[in-house]
Amino acid sequence: MPTLTEISAFLAEVFPQSRGIIEAVDERSCRLRYRVGEADLRPGGTVSGPTTMALADEALYVATLAAVGLVPLAVTTSLNINFLRKPAAGQDLVAHCRLVKVGRVLVVGDVLVYSEGIEAPVAQASGTYSIPPGSTAA
């Protein structure tokens, strides 16, 4: 299993536009932080849906990399998100991802996204990643 440092270095190389900060990772889960800026806000003082969804997708990608190895061509095949409550403007978002199935071809996971300072999740996502042939998914 790749370490947090190895995954972070890998993302910096192959996915430099990534803005999630990996705080924790193990073979079936991860936690990412996203520093919300002015460009991430929408009218009404809330974090935009696309920002929240991007963090959920990135968390699922990081957990997938931790489970199957540093596979750059693992891709999202589905992502469904439920926006549960308004995130706090100007507060970091934190995503907790847990993989529920790691197969040879597909990885399925759940993500809860929190707004710092709000105890309940602001979004819940579920998604699937496709693993390219020849990878080490188990």
C-alpha atoms as a PDB file:
ATOM      1  CA  MET A   1       0.000   0.000   0.000  1.00  0.00           C
ATOM      2  CA  PRO A   2       1.382   3.429  -0.925  1.00  0.00           C
ATOM      3  CA  THR A   3       1.983   5.835   1.944  1.00  0.00           C
ATOM      4  CA  LEU A   4       0.408   9.263   2.391  1.00  0.00           C
ATOM      5  CA  THR A   5       3.687  10.843   1.273  1.00  0.00           C
ATOM      6  CA  GLU A   6       3.894   8.643  -1.841  1.00  0.00           C
ATOM      7  CA  ILE A   7       0.296   9.365  -2.839  1.00  0.00           C
ATOM      8  CA  SER A   8       0.786  13.111  -2.281  1.00  0.00           C
ATOM      9  CA  ALA A   9       3.934  13.112  -4.446  1.00  0.00           C
ATOM     10  CA  PHE A  10       2.149  11.064  -7.126  1.00  0.00           C
ATOM     11  CA  LEU A  11      -0.771  13.516  -7.233  1.00  0.00           C
ATOM     12  CA  ALA A  12       1.609  16.484  -7.429  1.00  0.00           C
ATOM     13  CA  GLU A  13       3.185  14.868 -10.492  1.00  0.00           C
ATOM     14  CA  VAL A  14       0.162  13.514 -12.404  1.00  0.00           C
ATOM     15  CA  PHE A  15      -2.672  15.676 -11.049  1.00  0.00           C
ATOM     16  CA  PRO A  16      -1.116  19.057 -10.151  1.00  0.00           C
ATOM     17  CA  GLN A  17      -4.488  20.845 -10.242  1.00  0.00           C
ATOM     18  CA  SER A  18      -5.555  18.788  -7.223  1.00  0.00           C
ATOM     19  CA  ARG A  19      -6.384  21.007  -4.249  1.00  0.00           C
ATOM     20  CA  GLY A  20      -7.192  18.405  -1.624  1.00  0.00           C
ATOM     21  CA  ILE A  21      -4.708  17.974   1.207  1.00  0.00           C
ATOM     22  CA  ILE A  22      -4.401  14.363   2.309  1.00  0.00           C
ATOM     23  CA  GLU A  23      -4.544  14.224   6.097  1.00  0.00           C
ATOM     24  CA  ALA A  24      -4.853  10.469   6.616  1.00  0.00           C
ATOM     25  CA  VAL A  25      -4.907   7.356   4.485  1.00  0.00           C
ATOM     26  CA  ASP A  26      -5.005   3.611   4.994  1.00  0.00           C
ATOM     27  CA  GLU A  27      -5.804   0.682   2.713  1.00  0.00           C
ATOM     28  CA  ARG A  28      -9.601   1.243   2.762  1.00  0.00           C
ATOM     29  CA  SER A  29     -10.143   4.905   3.705  1.00  0.00           C
ATOM     30  CA  CYS A  30      -8.800   8.441   3.650  1.00  0.00           C
ATOM     31  CA  ARG A  31      -9.428  11.963   4.901  1.00  0.00           C
ATOM     32  CA  LEU A  32      -8.844  15.039   2.729  1.00  0.00           C
ATOM     33  CA  ARG A  33      -9.060  18.732   3.549  1.00  0.00           C
ATOM     34  CA  TYR A  34      -9.946  21.443   1.053  1.00  0.00           C
ATOM     35  CA  ARG A  35      -9.092  25.051   1.887  1.00  0.00           C
ATOM     36  CA  VAL A  36     -12.128  27.002   0.696  1.00  0.00           C
ATOM     37  CA  GLY A  37     -11.326  30.313  -0.975  1.00  0.00           C
ATOM     38  CA  GLU A  38     -13.348  33.180  -2.427  1.00  0.00           C
ATOM     39  CA  ALA A  39     -13.461  31.488  -5.860  1.00  0.00           C
ATOM     40  CA  ASP A  40     -15.238  28.471  -4.290  1.00  0.00           C
ATOM     41  CA  LEU A  41     -18.181  30.487  -2.979  1.00  0.00           C
ATOM     42  CA  ARG A  42     -21.496  31.094  -4.656  1.00  0.00           C
ATOM     43  CA  PRO A  43     -24.019  33.867  -4.009  1.00  0.00           C
ATOM     44  CA  GLY A  44     -25.643  33.473  -0.621  1.00  0.00           C
ATOM     45  CA  GLY A  45     -22.402  32.717   1.194  1.00  0.00           C
ATOM     46  CA  THR A  46     -22.100  28.988   0.643  1.00  0.00           C
ATOM     47  CA  VAL A  47     -19.507  26.696  -0.908  1.00  0.00           C
ATOM     48  CA  SER A  48     -20.433  25.779  -4.483  1.00  0.00           C
ATOM     49  CA  GLY A  49     -21.720  22.317  -5.330  1.00  0.00           C
ATOM     50  CA  PRO A  50     -18.979  21.686  -7.907  1.00  0.00           C
ATOM     51  CA  THR A  51     -16.326  22.395  -5.239  1.00  0.00           C
ATOM     52  CA  THR A  52     -17.921  19.931  -2.835  1.00  0.00           C
ATOM     53  CA  MET A  53     -18.330  17.307  -5.551  1.00  0.00           C
ATOM     54  CA  ALA A  54     -14.718  17.713  -6.704  1.00  0.00           C
ATOM     55  CA  LEU A  55     -13.498  17.062  -3.157  1.00  0.00           C
ATOM     56  CA  ALA A  56     -15.672  13.947  -2.861  1.00  0.00           C
ATOM     57  CA  ASP A  57     -14.316  12.638  -6.185  1.00  0.00           C
ATOM     58  CA  GLU A  58     -10.721  13.357  -5.196  1.00  0.00           C
ATOM     59  CA  ALA A  59     -11.197  11.585  -1.856  1.00  0.00           C
ATOM     60  CA  LEU A  60     -12.510   8.526  -3.690  1.00  0.00           C
ATOM     61  CA  TYR A  61      -9.509   8.669  -6.056  1.00  0.00           C
ATOM     62  CA  VAL A  62      -7.036   8.868  -3.152  1.00  0.00           C
ATOM     63  CA  ALA A  63      -8.676   5.932  -1.367  1.00  0.00           C
ATOM     64  CA  THR A  64      -8.617   3.971  -4.637  1.00  0.00           C
ATOM     65  CA  LEU A  65      -4.886   4.687  -5.096  1.00  0.00           C
ATOM     66  CA  ALA A  66      -4.238   3.537  -1.539  1.00  0.00           C
ATOM     67  CA  ALA A  67      -6.105   0.287  -2.179  1.00  0.00           C
ATOM     68  CA  VAL A  68      -4.800  -0.650  -5.630  1.00  0.00           C
ATOM     69  CA  GLY A  69      -1.517   1.232  -5.957  1.00  0.00           C
ATOM     70  CA  LEU A  70      -0.466   4.310  -7.884  1.00  0.00           C
ATOM     71  CA  VAL A  71      -2.546   3.736 -11.013  1.00  0.00           C
ATOM     72  CA  PRO A  72      -2.867   7.026 -12.926  1.00  0.00           C
ATOM     73  CA  LEU A  73      -5.571   5.777 -15.284  1.00  0.00           C
ATOM     74  CA  ALA A  74      -8.078   4.754 -12.631  1.00  0.00           C
ATOM     75  CA  VAL A  75     -11.131   6.815 -13.602  1.00  0.00           C
ATOM     76  CA  THR A  76     -14.501   7.751 -12.157  1.00  0.00           C
ATOM     77  CA  THR A  77     -17.323   5.748 -13.720  1.00  0.00           C
ATOM     78  CA  SER A  78     -20.078   7.080 -11.474  1.00  0.00           C
ATOM     79  CA  LEU A  79     -20.469   9.673  -8.747  1.00  0.00           C
ATOM     80  CA  ASN A  80     -23.720  10.515  -6.991  1.00  0.00           C
ATOM     81  CA  ILE A  81     -23.909  13.266  -4.395  1.00  0.00           C
ATOM     82  CA  ASN A  82     -26.548  14.393  -1.928  1.00  0.00           C
ATOM     83  CA  PHE A  83     -26.209  17.935  -0.609  1.00  0.00           C
ATOM     84  CA  LEU A  84     -27.484  17.756   2.964  1.00  0.00           C
ATOM     85  CA  ARG A  85     -26.990  21.230   4.420  1.00  0.00           C
ATOM     86  CA  LYS A  86     -25.295  24.539   3.676  1.00  0.00           C
ATOM     87  CA  PRO A  87     -21.512  24.513   4.218  1.00  0.00           C
ATOM     88  CA  ALA A  88     -20.052  27.457   6.121  1.00  0.00           C
ATOM     89  CA  ALA A  89     -18.483  30.047   3.823  1.00  0.00           C
ATOM     90  CA  GLY A  90     -14.785  30.495   4.469  1.00  0.00           C
ATOM     91  CA  GLN A  91     -14.416  27.216   6.385  1.00  0.00           C
ATOM     92  CA  ASP A  92     -12.447  24.218   5.154  1.00  0.00           C
ATOM     93  CA  LEU A  93     -14.267  21.204   3.782  1.00  0.00           C
ATOM     94  CA  VAL A  94     -13.147  17.806   5.078  1.00  0.00           C
ATOM     95  CA  ALA A  95     -13.981  14.584   3.236  1.00  0.00           C
ATOM     96  CA  HIS A  96     -13.960  11.137   4.834  1.00  0.00           C
ATOM     97  CA  CYS A  97     -13.951   8.308   2.288  1.00  0.00           C
ATOM     98  CA  ARG A  98     -14.489   4.629   3.035  1.00  0.00           C
ATOM     99  CA  LEU A  99     -14.211   1.956   0.373  1.00  0.00           C
ATOM    100  CA  VAL A 100     -16.971  -0.642   0.468  1.00  0.00           C
ATOM    101  CA  LYS A 101     -15.689  -2.883  -2.342  1.00  0.00           C
ATOM    102  CA  VAL A 102     -12.295  -3.270  -3.946  1.00  0.00           C
ATOM    103  CA  GLY A 103     -12.500  -5.599  -6.912  1.00  0.00           C
ATOM    104  CA  ARG A 104     -10.300  -6.402  -9.890  1.00  0.00           C
ATOM    105  CA  VAL A 105     -12.164  -3.985 -12.151  1.00  0.00           C
ATOM    106  CA  LEU A 106     -14.200  -1.657  -9.918  1.00  0.00           C
ATOM    107  CA  VAL A 107     -13.737   0.132  -6.603  1.00  0.00           C
ATOM    108  CA  VAL A 108     -16.856   1.412  -4.830  1.00  0.00           C
ATOM    109  CA  GLY A 109     -16.784   3.933  -2.001  1.00  0.00           C
ATOM    110  CA  ASP A 110     -18.790   6.278   0.189  1.00  0.00           C
ATOM    111  CA  VAL A 111     -17.745   9.817   1.086  1.00  0.00           C
ATOM    112  CA  LEU A 112     -19.034  12.109   3.813  1.00  0.00           C
ATOM    113  CA  VAL A 113     -18.102  15.775   3.430  1.00  0.00           C
ATOM    114  CA  TYR A 114     -18.046  18.059   6.460  1.00  0.00           C
ATOM    115  CA  SER A 115     -17.746  21.820   6.775  1.00  0.00           C
ATOM    116  CA  GLU A 116     -15.320  22.682   9.546  1.00  0.00           C
ATOM    117  CA  GLY A 117     -17.285  23.806  12.578  1.00  0.00           C
ATOM    118  CA  ILE A 118     -20.463  21.919  11.605  1.00  0.00           C
ATOM    119  CA  GLU A 119     -20.828  18.531  13.291  1.00  0.00           C
ATOM    120  CA  ALA A 120     -23.179  16.911  10.777  1.00  0.00           C
ATOM    121  CA  PRO A 121     -22.089  16.173   7.193  1.00  0.00           C
ATOM    122  CA  VAL A 122     -22.915  18.761   4.528  1.00  0.00           C
ATOM    123  CA  ALA A 123     -22.834  16.203   1.698  1.00  0.00           C
ATOM    124  CA  GLN A 124     -22.792  12.460   1.127  1.00  0.00           C
ATOM    125  CA  ALA A 125     -21.468  10.891  -2.069  1.00  0.00           C
ATOM    126  CA  SER A 126     -21.099   7.399  -3.435  1.00  0.00           C
ATOM    127  CA  GLY A 127     -19.002   6.557  -6.420  1.00  0.00           C
ATOM    128  CA  THR A 128     -17.245   3.940  -8.473  1.00  0.00           C
ATOM    129  CA  TYR A 129     -13.783   3.948  -9.998  1.00  0.00           C
ATOM    130  CA  SER A 130     -12.741   1.735 -12.887  1.00  0.00           C
ATOM    131  CA  ILE A 131      -9.340   0.072 -12.596  1.00  0.00           C
ATOM    132  CA  PRO A 132      -7.407  -0.369 -15.841  1.00  0.00           C
ATOM    133  CA  PRO A 133      -6.415  -3.905 -16.885  1.00  0.00           C
ATOM    134  CA  GLY A 134      -3.154  -5.126 -15.427  1.00  0.00           C
ATOM    135  CA  SER A 135      -3.412  -3.238 -12.124  1.00  0.00           C
ATOM    136  CA  THR A 136      -3.047  -4.871  -8.730  1.00  0.00           C
ATOM    137  CA  ALA A 137      -6.629  -4.493  -7.441  1.00  0.00           C
ATOM    138  CA  ALA A 138      -7.597  -7.391  -5.209  1.00  0.00           C
END
